[in-house]
C-alpha atoms as a PDB file:
ATOM      1  CA  MET A   1      54.747 -25.599  88.496  1.00  0.00           C
ATOM      2  CA  ASN A   2      56.441 -22.588  86.807  1.00  0.00           C
ATOM      3  CA  ASP A   3      59.879 -21.285  87.461  1.00  0.00           C
ATOM      4  CA  LEU A   4      58.987 -18.769  90.112  1.00  0.00           C
ATOM      5  CA  ASP A   5      56.997 -21.390  91.982  1.00  0.00           C
ATOM      6  CA  LEU A   6      60.009 -23.449  92.004  1.00  0.00           C
ATOM      7  CA  MET A   7      62.067 -20.666  92.999  1.00  0.00           C
ATOM      8  CA  GLU A   8      59.864 -20.170  96.078  1.00  0.00           C
ATOM      9  CA  LYS A   9      59.970 -23.967  96.947  1.00  0.00           C
ATOM     10  CA  PHE A  10      63.583 -23.720  97.002  1.00  0.00           C
ATOM     11  CA  ARG A  11      63.670 -20.762  99.108  1.00  0.00           C
ATOM     12  CA  ALA A  12      61.661 -22.609 101.714  1.00  0.00           C
ATOM     13  CA  ASP A  13      63.886 -25.557 101.857  1.00  0.00           C
ATOM     14  CA  VAL A  14      67.123 -23.324 102.435  1.00  0.00           C
ATOM     15  CA  PRO A  15      67.627 -21.928 106.049  1.00  0.00           C
ATOM     16  CA  PRO A  16      68.854 -18.229 106.277  1.00  0.00           C
ATOM     17  CA  PRO A  17      72.557 -17.805 106.788  1.00  0.00           C
ATOM     18  CA  ALA A  18      73.516 -16.813 110.177  1.00  0.00           C
ATOM     19  CA  PRO A  19      74.540 -13.197 110.651  1.00  0.00           C
ATOM     20  CA  GLY A  20      77.927 -14.147 111.854  1.00  0.00           C
ATOM     21  CA  VAL A  21      78.757 -15.964 108.821  1.00  0.00           C
ATOM     22  CA  LEU A  22      77.839 -13.202 106.311  1.00  0.00           C
ATOM     23  CA  ALA A  23      80.893 -10.933 106.421  1.00  0.00           C
ATOM     24  CA  ASN A  24      81.203  -7.255 105.505  1.00  0.00           C
ATOM     25  CA  ALA A  25      82.977  -7.359 101.787  1.00  0.00           C
ATOM     26  CA  ARG A  26      82.013  -6.209  98.445  1.00  0.00           C
ATOM     27  CA  SER A  27      84.925  -7.706  96.409  1.00  0.00           C
ATOM     28  CA  ALA A  28      86.313  -8.763  93.169  1.00  0.00           C
ATOM     29  CA  MET A  29      85.582  -7.698  89.549  1.00  0.00           C
ATOM     30  CA  PHE A  30      86.188  -8.722  85.988  1.00  0.00           C
ATOM     31  CA  ARG A  31      89.535  -8.373  84.270  1.00  0.00           C
ATOM     32  CA  ALA A  32      89.932  -7.720  80.648  1.00  0.00           C
ATOM     33  CA  GLU A  33      91.668  -5.442  78.136  1.00  0.00           C
ATOM     34  CA  PRO A  34      89.145  -4.321  75.364  1.00  0.00           C
ATOM     35  CA  ALA A  35      89.723  -1.801  73.018  1.00  0.00           C
ATOM     36  CA  ARG A  36      89.429   1.644  74.248  1.00  0.00           C
ATOM     37  CA  SER A  37      86.131   3.428  73.660  1.00  0.00           C
ATOM     38  CA  ARG A  38      84.581   6.607  74.879  1.00  0.00           C
ATOM     39  CA  THR A  39      81.609   4.853  75.797  1.00  0.00           C
ATOM     40  CA  ARG A  40      81.585   2.282  78.747  1.00  0.00           C
ATOM     41  CA  TRP A  41      78.823   0.230  77.062  1.00  0.00           C
ATOM     42  CA  VAL A  42      81.507  -1.138  74.718  1.00  0.00           C
ATOM     43  CA  TRP A  43      83.716  -2.310  77.312  1.00  0.00           C
ATOM     44  CA  ARG A  44      80.970  -3.480  79.682  1.00  0.00           C
ATOM     45  CA  SER A  45      78.932  -5.584  77.214  1.00  0.00           C
ATOM     46  CA  ALA A  46      81.515  -6.634  74.573  1.00  0.00           C
ATOM     47  CA  PRO A  47      84.125  -7.991  76.696  1.00  0.00           C
ATOM     48  CA  VAL A  48      82.247 -10.283  79.039  1.00  0.00           C
ATOM     49  CA  ALA A  49      79.086 -10.874  76.940  1.00  0.00           C
ATOM     50  CA  ALA A  50      80.998 -11.397  73.940  1.00  0.00           C
ATOM     51  CA  LEU A  51      83.292 -13.799  75.615  1.00  0.00           C
ATOM     52  CA  ALA A  52      80.650 -15.862  77.310  1.00  0.00           C
ATOM     53  CA  VAL A  53      78.058 -15.539  74.608  1.00  0.00           C
ATOM     54  CA  ALA A  54      80.289 -15.769  71.393  1.00  0.00           C
ATOM     55  CA  VAL A  55      83.756 -16.322  72.756  1.00  0.00           C
ATOM     56  CA  GLY A  56      84.685 -13.294  70.709  1.00  0.00           C
ATOM     57  CA  VAL A  57      88.414 -12.840  71.892  1.00  0.00           C
ATOM     58  CA  ALA A  58      91.074 -15.251  72.300  1.00  0.00           C
ATOM     59  CA  GLY A  59      94.207 -15.869  74.420  1.00  0.00           C
ATOM     60  CA  VAL A  60      94.774 -18.261  77.121  1.00  0.00           C
ATOM     61  CA  VAL A  61      95.318 -18.423  81.008  1.00  0.00           C
ATOM     62  CA  ALA A  62      96.388 -21.658  82.401  1.00  0.00           C
ATOM     63  CA  LEU A  63      93.277 -23.366  83.943  1.00  0.00           C
ATOM     64  CA  PRO A  64      93.824 -24.466  87.685  1.00  0.00           C
ATOM     65  CA  GLY A  65      92.169 -27.686  88.765  1.00  0.00           C
ATOM     66  CA  GLU A  66      88.550 -27.657  89.401  1.00  0.00           C
ATOM     67  CA  GLN A  67      85.912 -29.756  91.256  1.00  0.00           C
ATOM     68  CA  ALA A  68      82.603 -29.619  89.667  1.00  0.00           C
ATOM     69  CA  GLY A  69      79.488 -29.791  91.812  1.00  0.00           C
ATOM     70  CA  PRO A  70      76.235 -31.559  91.246  1.00  0.00           C
ATOM     71  CA  ALA A  71      75.688 -32.353  87.655  1.00  0.00           C
ATOM     72  CA  SER A  72      72.472 -30.468  85.968  1.00  0.00           C
ATOM     73  CA  SER A  73      70.458 -31.326  82.909  1.00  0.00           C
ATOM     74  CA  PRO A  74      69.948 -28.343  80.253  1.00  0.00           C
ATOM     75  CA  GLN A  75      66.508 -28.043  81.601  1.00  0.00           C
ATOM     76  CA  GLU A  76      66.922 -27.880  85.409  1.00  0.00           C
ATOM     77  CA  GLN A  77      69.215 -26.129  88.205  1.00  0.00           C
ATOM     78  CA  ALA A  78      71.307 -28.180  90.229  1.00  0.00           C
ATOM     79  CA  PRO A  79      69.950 -27.646  93.931  1.00  0.00           C
ATOM     80  CA  GLU A  80      73.435 -26.605  95.185  1.00  0.00           C
ATOM     81  CA  ALA A  81      73.438 -23.820  92.494  1.00  0.00           C
ATOM     82  CA  VAL A  82      70.036 -22.506  93.589  1.00  0.00           C
ATOM     83  CA  ARG A  83      71.065 -22.789  97.351  1.00  0.00           C
ATOM     84  CA  VAL A  84      74.257 -20.638  96.539  1.00  0.00           C
ATOM     85  CA  LEU A  85      72.157 -18.025  94.666  1.00  0.00           C
ATOM     86  CA  ARG A  86      69.553 -17.899  97.424  1.00  0.00           C
ATOM     87  CA  LEU A  87      72.159 -17.392 100.093  1.00  0.00           C
ATOM     88  CA  ALA A  88      73.651 -14.558  98.097  1.00  0.00           C
ATOM     89  CA  ALA A  89      70.258 -13.031  97.997  1.00  0.00           C
ATOM     90  CA  ALA A  90      69.972 -13.154 101.617  1.00  0.00           C
ATOM     91  CA  GLU A  91      73.327 -11.691 101.954  1.00  0.00           C
ATOM     92  CA  ALA A  92      72.597  -8.922  99.596  1.00  0.00           C
ATOM     93  CA  ARG A  93      69.437  -8.021 101.507  1.00  0.00           C
ATOM     94  CA  ARG A  94      71.392  -7.345 104.728  1.00  0.00           C
ATOM     95  CA  GLU A  95      73.535  -4.655 103.103  1.00  0.00           C
ATOM     96  CA  THR A  96      72.945  -1.015 103.920  1.00  0.00           C
ATOM     97  CA  PRO A  97      72.252   0.805 100.603  1.00  0.00           C
ATOM     98  CA  LEU A  98      74.658   3.634  99.355  1.00  0.00           C
ATOM     99  CA  LYS A  99      73.127   7.192  98.999  1.00  0.00           C
ATOM    100  CA  ALA A 100      73.919   9.209  96.332  1.00  0.00           C
ATOM    101  CA  ARG A 101      73.082  12.361  94.911  1.00  0.00           C
ATOM    102  CA  SER A 102      72.403  12.907  91.021  1.00  0.00           C
ATOM    103  CA  ASP A 103      75.779  15.167  90.799  1.00  0.00           C
ATOM    104  CA  GLN A 104      77.930  12.377  92.145  1.00  0.00           C
ATOM    105  CA  PHE A 105      79.744   9.391  90.797  1.00  0.00           C
ATOM    106  CA  VAL A 106      79.778   5.692  91.181  1.00  0.00           C
ATOM    107  CA  TYR A 107      83.306   4.505  91.704  1.00  0.00           C
ATOM    108  CA  VAL A 108      84.167   0.890  90.804  1.00  0.00           C
ATOM    109  CA  GLU A 109      87.693  -0.767  91.408  1.00  0.00           C
ATOM    110  CA  SER A 110      88.480  -4.042  89.730  1.00  0.00           C
ATOM    111  CA  ARG A 111      90.993  -6.273  88.507  1.00  0.00           C
ATOM    112  CA  VAL A 112      90.309  -7.509  85.059  1.00  0.00           C
ATOM    113  CA  ALA A 113      91.815  -9.726  82.200  1.00  0.00           C
ATOM    114  CA  TRP A 114      90.734 -11.212  78.999  1.00  0.00           C
ATOM    115  CA  ALA A 115      92.278 -12.605  76.071  1.00  0.00           C
ATOM    116  CA  GLY A 116      92.513 -11.590  72.326  1.00  0.00           C
ATOM    117  CA  ALA A 117      93.370 -13.069  68.959  1.00  0.00           C
ATOM    118  CA  ALA A 118      95.015 -11.343  66.169  1.00  0.00           C
ATOM    119  CA  ALA A 119      95.521 -12.600  62.480  1.00  0.00           C
ATOM    120  CA  ASN A 120      99.229 -13.448  61.702  1.00  0.00           C
ATOM    121  CA  ASP A 121     100.639 -10.301  59.813  1.00  0.00           C
ATOM    122  CA  LYS A 122     103.754 -12.215  58.760  1.00  0.00           C
ATOM    123  CA  PRO A 123     103.983 -13.135  54.935  1.00  0.00           C
ATOM    124  CA  SER A 124     104.965 -16.679  55.650  1.00  0.00           C
ATOM    125  CA  GLY A 125     102.835 -16.954  58.679  1.00  0.00           C
ATOM    126  CA  SER A 126      99.666 -19.054  59.188  1.00  0.00           C
ATOM    127  CA  LYS A 127      96.272 -17.533  58.402  1.00  0.00           C
ATOM    128  CA  ARG A 128      94.914 -18.841  61.637  1.00  0.00           C
ATOM    129  CA  PRO A 129      94.620 -16.158  64.504  1.00  0.00           C
ATOM    130  CA  ALA A 130      97.284 -16.017  66.990  1.00  0.00           C
ATOM    131  CA  TYR A 131      96.743 -15.889  70.595  1.00  0.00           C
ATOM    132  CA  GLN A 132      97.133 -12.656  72.594  1.00  0.00           C
ATOM    133  CA  PRO A 133      97.542 -13.534  76.172  1.00  0.00           C
ATOM    134  CA  PRO A 134      95.640 -11.421  78.554  1.00  0.00           C
ATOM    135  CA  VAL A 135      97.525  -8.809  80.747  1.00  0.00           C
ATOM    136  CA  GLU A 136      96.051  -8.373  84.020  1.00  0.00           C
ATOM    137  CA  LYS A 137      95.376  -4.806  85.028  1.00  0.00           C
ATOM    138  CA  LEU A 138      93.934  -2.877  87.912  1.00  0.00           C
ATOM    139  CA  ARG A 139      90.879  -0.948  86.677  1.00  0.00           C
ATOM    140  CA  ARG A 140      89.296   2.212  88.181  1.00  0.00           C
ATOM    141  CA  VAL A 141      86.028   3.903  86.627  1.00  0.00           C
ATOM    142  CA  TRP A 142      84.017   6.803  87.749  1.00  0.00           C
ATOM    143  CA  LEU A 143      80.566   6.846  86.129  1.00  0.00           C
ATOM    144  CA  SER A 144      77.754   9.353  86.597  1.00  0.00           C
ATOM    145  CA  VAL A 145      74.985   8.515  89.150  1.00  0.00           C
ATOM    146  CA  ASP A 146      72.373   9.779  86.710  1.00  0.00           C
ATOM    147  CA  GLY A 147      74.290   9.494  83.489  1.00  0.00           C
ATOM    148  CA  SER A 148      74.401  13.259  82.948  1.00  0.00           C
ATOM    149  CA  ARG A 149      78.084  13.913  83.477  1.00  0.00           C
ATOM    150  CA  ALA A 150      81.222  12.536  81.613  1.00  0.00           C
ATOM    151  CA  GLY A 151      83.001   9.711  83.435  1.00  0.00           C
ATOM    152  CA  LEU A 152      86.533   8.580  83.600  1.00  0.00           C
ATOM    153  CA  LEU A 153      88.626   5.436  83.149  1.00  0.00           C
ATOM    154  CA  SER A 154      92.028   4.917  84.822  1.00  0.00           C
ATOM    155  CA  GLU A 155      94.401   2.072  84.343  1.00  0.00           C
ATOM    156  CA  PRO A 156      98.158   1.803  85.221  1.00  0.00           C
ATOM    157  CA  GLY A 157     100.515   2.803  82.437  1.00  0.00           C
ATOM    158  CA  GLU A 158      97.726   4.624  80.376  1.00  0.00           C
ATOM    159  CA  ALA A 159      96.555   8.004  80.141  1.00  0.00           C
ATOM    160  CA  ASP A 160      93.289   8.603  81.842  1.00  0.00           C
ATOM    161  CA  TRP A 161      90.363   8.070  79.462  1.00  0.00           C
ATOM    162  CA  PRO A 162      87.155  10.270  79.447  1.00  0.00           C
ATOM    163  CA  LEU A 163      83.801   8.287  79.126  1.00  0.00           C
ATOM    164  CA  ASP A 164      80.839   9.678  77.619  1.00  0.00           C
ATOM    165  CA  ALA A 165      77.791  10.635  79.661  1.00  0.00           C
ATOM    166  CA  GLY A 166      74.476   8.955  78.814  1.00  0.00           C
ATOM    167  CA  GLN A 167      74.096   5.884  80.905  1.00  0.00           C
ATOM    168  CA  ARG A 168      73.121   6.234  84.486  1.00  0.00           C
ATOM    169  CA  ALA A 169      75.335   4.051  86.976  1.00  0.00           C
ATOM    170  CA  TYR A 170      73.252   4.149  90.038  1.00  0.00           C
ATOM    171  CA  ARG A 171      70.529   1.714  88.955  1.00  0.00           C
ATOM    172  CA  ASP A 172      67.691   2.413  91.441  1.00  0.00           C
ATOM    173  CA  GLU A 173      65.058   1.934  88.639  1.00  0.00           C
ATOM    174  CA  LEU A 174      65.612  -1.843  88.381  1.00  0.00           C
ATOM    175  CA  PRO A 175      63.245  -4.310  89.835  1.00  0.00           C
ATOM    176  CA  THR A 176      63.191  -5.440  93.550  1.00  0.00           C
ATOM    177  CA  ASP A 177      61.244  -8.652  93.089  1.00  0.00           C
ATOM    178  CA  ALA A 178      62.213 -11.713  91.517  1.00  0.00           C
ATOM    179  CA  ARG A 179      59.567 -12.191  88.993  1.00  0.00           C
ATOM    180  CA  ALA A 180      60.154  -8.567  87.494  1.00  0.00           C
ATOM    181  CA  MET A 181      63.771  -9.008  87.535  1.00  0.00           C
ATOM    182  CA  ARG A 182      63.350 -12.317  85.775  1.00  0.00           C
ATOM    183  CA  ALA A 183      61.525 -10.343  83.034  1.00  0.00           C
ATOM    184  CA  TYR A 184      64.529  -7.919  82.880  1.00  0.00           C
ATOM    185  CA  LEU A 185      67.015 -10.602  82.205  1.00  0.00           C
ATOM    186  CA  TYR A 186      65.147 -12.180  79.410  1.00  0.00           C
ATOM    187  CA  ARG A 187      63.760  -8.920  77.992  1.00  0.00           C
ATOM    188  CA  ASP A 188      65.987  -8.621  74.989  1.00  0.00           C
ATOM    189  CA  THR A 189      66.354 -12.384  74.174  1.00  0.00           C
ATOM    190  CA  ALA A 190      63.595 -12.717  71.442  1.00  0.00           C
ATOM    191  CA  ASN A 191      65.724 -11.238  68.826  1.00  0.00           C
ATOM    192  CA  ALA A 192      68.840 -13.102  69.309  1.00  0.00           C
ATOM    193  CA  LYS A 193      69.453 -15.344  66.603  1.00  0.00           C
ATOM    194  CA  GLY A 194      71.435 -18.539  67.236  1.00  0.00           C
ATOM    195  CA  ILE A 195      71.988 -17.681  71.133  1.00  0.00           C
ATOM    196  CA  PRO A 196      69.866 -19.634  73.580  1.00  0.00           C
ATOM    197  CA  ALA A 197      67.602 -17.022  75.671  1.00  0.00           C
ATOM    198  CA  ASP A 198      68.786 -18.778  78.913  1.00  0.00           C
ATOM    199  CA  ARG A 199      72.371 -17.974  78.087  1.00  0.00           C
ATOM    200  CA  ILE A 200      71.697 -14.349  77.270  1.00  0.00           C
ATOM    201  CA  ALA A 201      69.769 -14.164  80.542  1.00  0.00           C
ATOM    202  CA  PHE A 202      72.479 -15.729  82.791  1.00  0.00           C
ATOM    203  CA  VAL A 203      75.284 -13.536  81.243  1.00  0.00           C
ATOM    204  CA  LYS A 204      73.284 -10.596  81.726  1.00  0.00           C
ATOM    205  CA  VAL A 205      73.341 -11.078  85.581  1.00  0.00           C
ATOM    206  CA  GLY A 206      77.316 -10.385  85.474  1.00  0.00           C
ATOM    207  CA  ASP A 207      76.787  -7.672  83.045  1.00  0.00           C
ATOM    208  CA  THR A 208      74.323  -5.929  85.477  1.00  0.00           C
ATOM    209  CA  LEU A 209      76.610  -6.168  88.314  1.00  0.00           C
ATOM    210  CA  ARG A 210      79.932  -5.234  86.629  1.00  0.00           C
ATOM    211  CA  GLU A 211      80.300  -1.543  86.506  1.00  0.00           C
ATOM    212  CA  GLN A 212      77.428  -0.036  88.024  1.00  0.00           C
ATOM    213  CA  TYR A 213      75.543   0.170  91.480  1.00  0.00           C
ATOM    214  CA  LEU A 214      72.328  -1.610  92.389  1.00  0.00           C
ATOM    215  CA  PRO A 215      70.729  -1.222  95.701  1.00  0.00           C
ATOM    216  CA  PRO A 216      70.633  -4.236  97.894  1.00  0.00           C
ATOM    217  CA  ALA A 217      67.155  -4.992  97.145  1.00  0.00           C
ATOM    218  CA  SER A 218      67.683  -5.239  93.402  1.00  0.00           C
ATOM    219  CA  VAL A 219      70.783  -7.202  93.818  1.00  0.00           C
ATOM    220  CA  ALA A 220      68.836  -9.731  95.953  1.00  0.00           C
ATOM    221  CA  ALA A 221      66.241 -10.010  93.138  1.00  0.00           C
ATOM    222  CA  LEU A 222      68.822 -10.503  90.470  1.00  0.00           C
ATOM    223  CA  PHE A 223      70.241 -13.535  92.424  1.00  0.00           C
ATOM    224  CA  GLU A 224      66.772 -14.876  93.064  1.00  0.00           C
ATOM    225  CA  ALA A 225      65.803 -14.608  89.320  1.00  0.00           C
ATOM    226  CA  ALA A 226      69.193 -16.212  88.411  1.00  0.00           C
ATOM    227  CA  ALA A 227      68.049 -19.153  90.537  1.00  0.00           C
ATOM    228  CA  THR A 228      65.293 -19.862  88.092  1.00  0.00           C
ATOM    229  CA  ILE A 229      67.615 -19.809  84.952  1.00  0.00           C
ATOM    230  CA  PRO A 230      67.901 -23.650  83.915  1.00  0.00           C
ATOM    231  CA  GLY A 231      70.978 -25.501  83.256  1.00  0.00           C
ATOM    232  CA  THR A 232      73.124 -24.081  86.319  1.00  0.00           C
ATOM    233  CA  THR A 233      75.515 -26.166  88.347  1.00  0.00           C
ATOM    234  CA  THR A 234      78.591 -25.233  90.793  1.00  0.00           C
ATOM    235  CA  VAL A 235      82.229 -25.213  90.521  1.00  0.00           C
ATOM    236  CA  LYS A 236      84.866 -24.567  93.125  1.00  0.00           C
ATOM    237  CA  GLN A 237      86.580 -21.301  91.882  1.00  0.00           C
ATOM    238  CA  THR A 238      88.808 -18.279  92.739  1.00  0.00           C
ATOM    239  CA  ASP A 239      88.417 -14.779  91.522  1.00  0.00           C
ATOM    240  CA  LEU A 240      91.230 -12.902  89.666  1.00  0.00           C
ATOM    241  CA  ALA A 241      92.317 -11.484  93.138  1.00  0.00           C
ATOM    242  CA  GLY A 242      92.879 -15.223  94.346  1.00  0.00           C
ATOM    243  CA  ARG A 243      89.871 -15.085  96.657  1.00  0.00           C
ATOM    244  CA  ARG A 244      88.461 -18.637  97.025  1.00  0.00           C
ATOM    245  CA  GLY A 245      85.023 -18.994  96.335  1.00  0.00           C
ATOM    246  CA  ILE A 246      82.059 -21.002  94.789  1.00  0.00           C
ATOM    247  CA  ALA A 247      80.825 -20.272  91.143  1.00  0.00           C
ATOM    248  CA  VAL A 248      77.264 -20.827  89.916  1.00  0.00           C
ATOM    249  CA  SER A 249      78.114 -21.827  86.337  1.00  0.00           C
ATOM    250  CA  ARG A 250      76.351 -22.448  83.088  1.00  0.00           C
ATOM    251  CA  VAL A 251      77.698 -24.127  79.925  1.00  0.00           C
ATOM    252  CA  ASP A 252      76.349 -23.148  76.451  1.00  0.00           C
ATOM    253  CA  GLN A 253      77.994 -23.516  72.947  1.00  0.00           C
ATOM    254  CA  GLY A 254      81.415 -24.639  74.231  1.00  0.00           C
ATOM    255  CA  THR A 255      81.837 -21.986  76.837  1.00  0.00           C
ATOM    256  CA  ARG A 256      81.271 -21.959  80.496  1.00  0.00           C
ATOM    257  CA  HIS A 257      80.380 -18.745  82.221  1.00  0.00           C
ATOM    258  CA  ASP A 258      81.131 -18.521  86.135  1.00  0.00           C
ATOM    259  CA  LEU A 259      79.583 -15.933  88.621  1.00  0.00           C
ATOM    260  CA  ILE A 260      81.833 -16.334  91.610  1.00  0.00           C
ATOM    261  CA  PHE A 261      80.720 -15.895  95.329  1.00  0.00           C
ATOM    262  CA  ASP A 262      82.638 -16.101  98.519  1.00  0.00           C
ATOM    263  CA  ALA A 263      82.159 -19.704  99.772  1.00  0.00           C
ATOM    264  CA  THR A 264      81.380 -18.589 103.362  1.00  0.00           C
ATOM    265  CA  SER A 265      79.917 -15.154 103.056  1.00  0.00           C
ATOM    266  CA  TYR A 266      78.215 -15.505  99.583  1.00  0.00           C
ATOM    267  CA  LYS A 267      79.133 -12.086  98.667  1.00  0.00           C
ATOM    268  CA  PHE A 268      79.595 -11.787  94.882  1.00  0.00           C
ATOM    269  CA  LEU A 269      83.318 -11.548  93.823  1.00  0.00           C
ATOM    270  CA  GLY A 270      83.557 -11.643  90.053  1.00  0.00           C
ATOM    271  CA  GLU A 271      83.220 -13.710  86.879  1.00  0.00           C
ATOM    272  CA  ARG A 272      85.059 -16.232  84.814  1.00  0.00           C
ATOM    273  CA  ASP A 273      84.559 -17.603  81.161  1.00  0.00           C
ATOM    274  CA  VAL A 274      86.220 -20.957  80.320  1.00  0.00           C
ATOM    275  CA  VAL A 275      86.335 -22.700  76.975  1.00  0.00           C
ATOM    276  CA  VAL A 276      85.150 -26.333  77.729  1.00  0.00           C
ATOM    277  CA  ASP A 277      85.489 -27.808  74.089  1.00  0.00           C
ATOM    278  CA  ASP A 278      88.192 -27.216  71.421  1.00  0.00           C
ATOM    279  CA  THR A 279      86.771 -24.115  69.648  1.00  0.00           C
ATOM    280  CA  THR A 280      89.069 -22.476  67.036  1.00  0.00           C
ATOM    281  CA  PRO A 281      91.169 -20.484  67.946  1.00  0.00           C
ATOM    282  CA  TYR A 282      90.690 -21.578  71.588  1.00  0.00           C
ATOM    283  CA  PRO A 283      92.064 -24.503  73.088  1.00  0.00           C
ATOM    284  CA  LYS A 284      89.971 -26.682  75.546  1.00  0.00           C
ATOM    285  CA  ASN A 285      90.382 -25.105  79.147  1.00  0.00           C
ATOM    286  CA  ALA A 286      91.416 -21.821  77.829  1.00  0.00           C
ATOM    287  CA  VAL A 287      90.218 -19.022  80.309  1.00  0.00           C
ATOM    288  CA  THR A 288      89.075 -16.119  78.085  1.00  0.00           C
ATOM    289  CA  GLY A 289      87.939 -13.776  80.828  1.00  0.00           C
ATOM    290  CA  TRP A 290      88.418 -13.110  84.559  1.00  0.00           C
ATOM    291  CA  THR A 291      87.479 -10.419  86.958  1.00  0.00           C
ATOM    292  CA  ALA A 292      87.550  -9.385  90.595  1.00  0.00           C
ATOM    293  CA  GLN A 293      85.356  -6.626  91.881  1.00  0.00           C
ATOM    294  CA  LEU A 294      87.307  -4.865  94.559  1.00  0.00           C
ATOM    295  CA  LYS A 295      85.314  -1.871  95.645  1.00  0.00           C
ATOM    296  CA  ILE A 296      82.375   0.235  94.944  1.00  0.00           C
ATOM    297  CA  ALA A 297      81.784   3.645  96.371  1.00  0.00           C
ATOM    298  CA  ILE A 298      80.017   6.953  95.808  1.00  0.00           C
ATOM    299  CA  VAL A 299      82.325   9.885  95.283  1.00  0.00           C
ATOM    300  CA  ASP A 300      81.807  13.628  94.414  1.00  0.00           C
ATOM    301  CA  ARG A 301      83.821  13.946  91.314  1.00  0.00           C
ATOM    302  CA  ALA A 302      85.513  11.847  88.556  1.00  0.00           C
ATOM    303  CA  GLY A 303      89.114  10.893  89.632  1.00  0.00           C
ATOM    304  CA  GLN A 304      88.344  11.164  93.351  1.00  0.00           C
ATOM    305  CA  LEU A 305      89.283   7.867  95.427  1.00  0.00           C
ATOM    306  CA  PRO A 306      87.020   7.023  98.310  1.00  0.00           C
END
């Protein structure tokens, strides 16, 4: 029985959530402070994907107590993790798609925080990288619907930063069925050296949701495809905005990557990356990235608030 057959079996075993349980809210998103760049791809893929895949930045946020869900072997999904992703997919399918013209912008508002590390520049100092604790920020971005126009990044205390055109932010070309979406998640894994394909695919779920808009059918397919990725389990978790939820998590190479959902409505809230082993320069339980997606909207121009 292949992954998609298993996925459909799980789907049959899980009753659809009651409409009254599925509340209206599109919340929380990742928080981090990457190096400024004129292309949003640097911030989008480097901070979170690097954190989860390579633990590429340092710094520590205190790790609150967590309660893990059912254990999962590296070759299978915990039933609870599959259930959460299936319910999240059902919730996504109930959403009304946002309409957009090609000349408009996708607006994304989030709270973001990730850690960093820097070499000690004092002559008498240790050569070991020093922690740079993350600073939480409110992040607002405006990204071209069809990629033809320059976007804008706004963060408190910083001058607004232009973002190059070129990458469409309204992703209505992505698959709407689970099988094709799974192929999309695994598409670029063959050439990755030393990084498990399942890890790349799982992290790509959050990368795909972070700062762009997907129509509900594609979001649902994304969660259905994620339910076929082996090695997932669940953890009780909050997002960076303090909203309590449940995370579908996967551990690889000493780092746990969380996709956080509202525990009642199963709305996607954000992401979290945690070091689960001592990995220089990161101590065990260091949180290296955290997000909360607060709002996604369509606006007429860069800089306009919905």
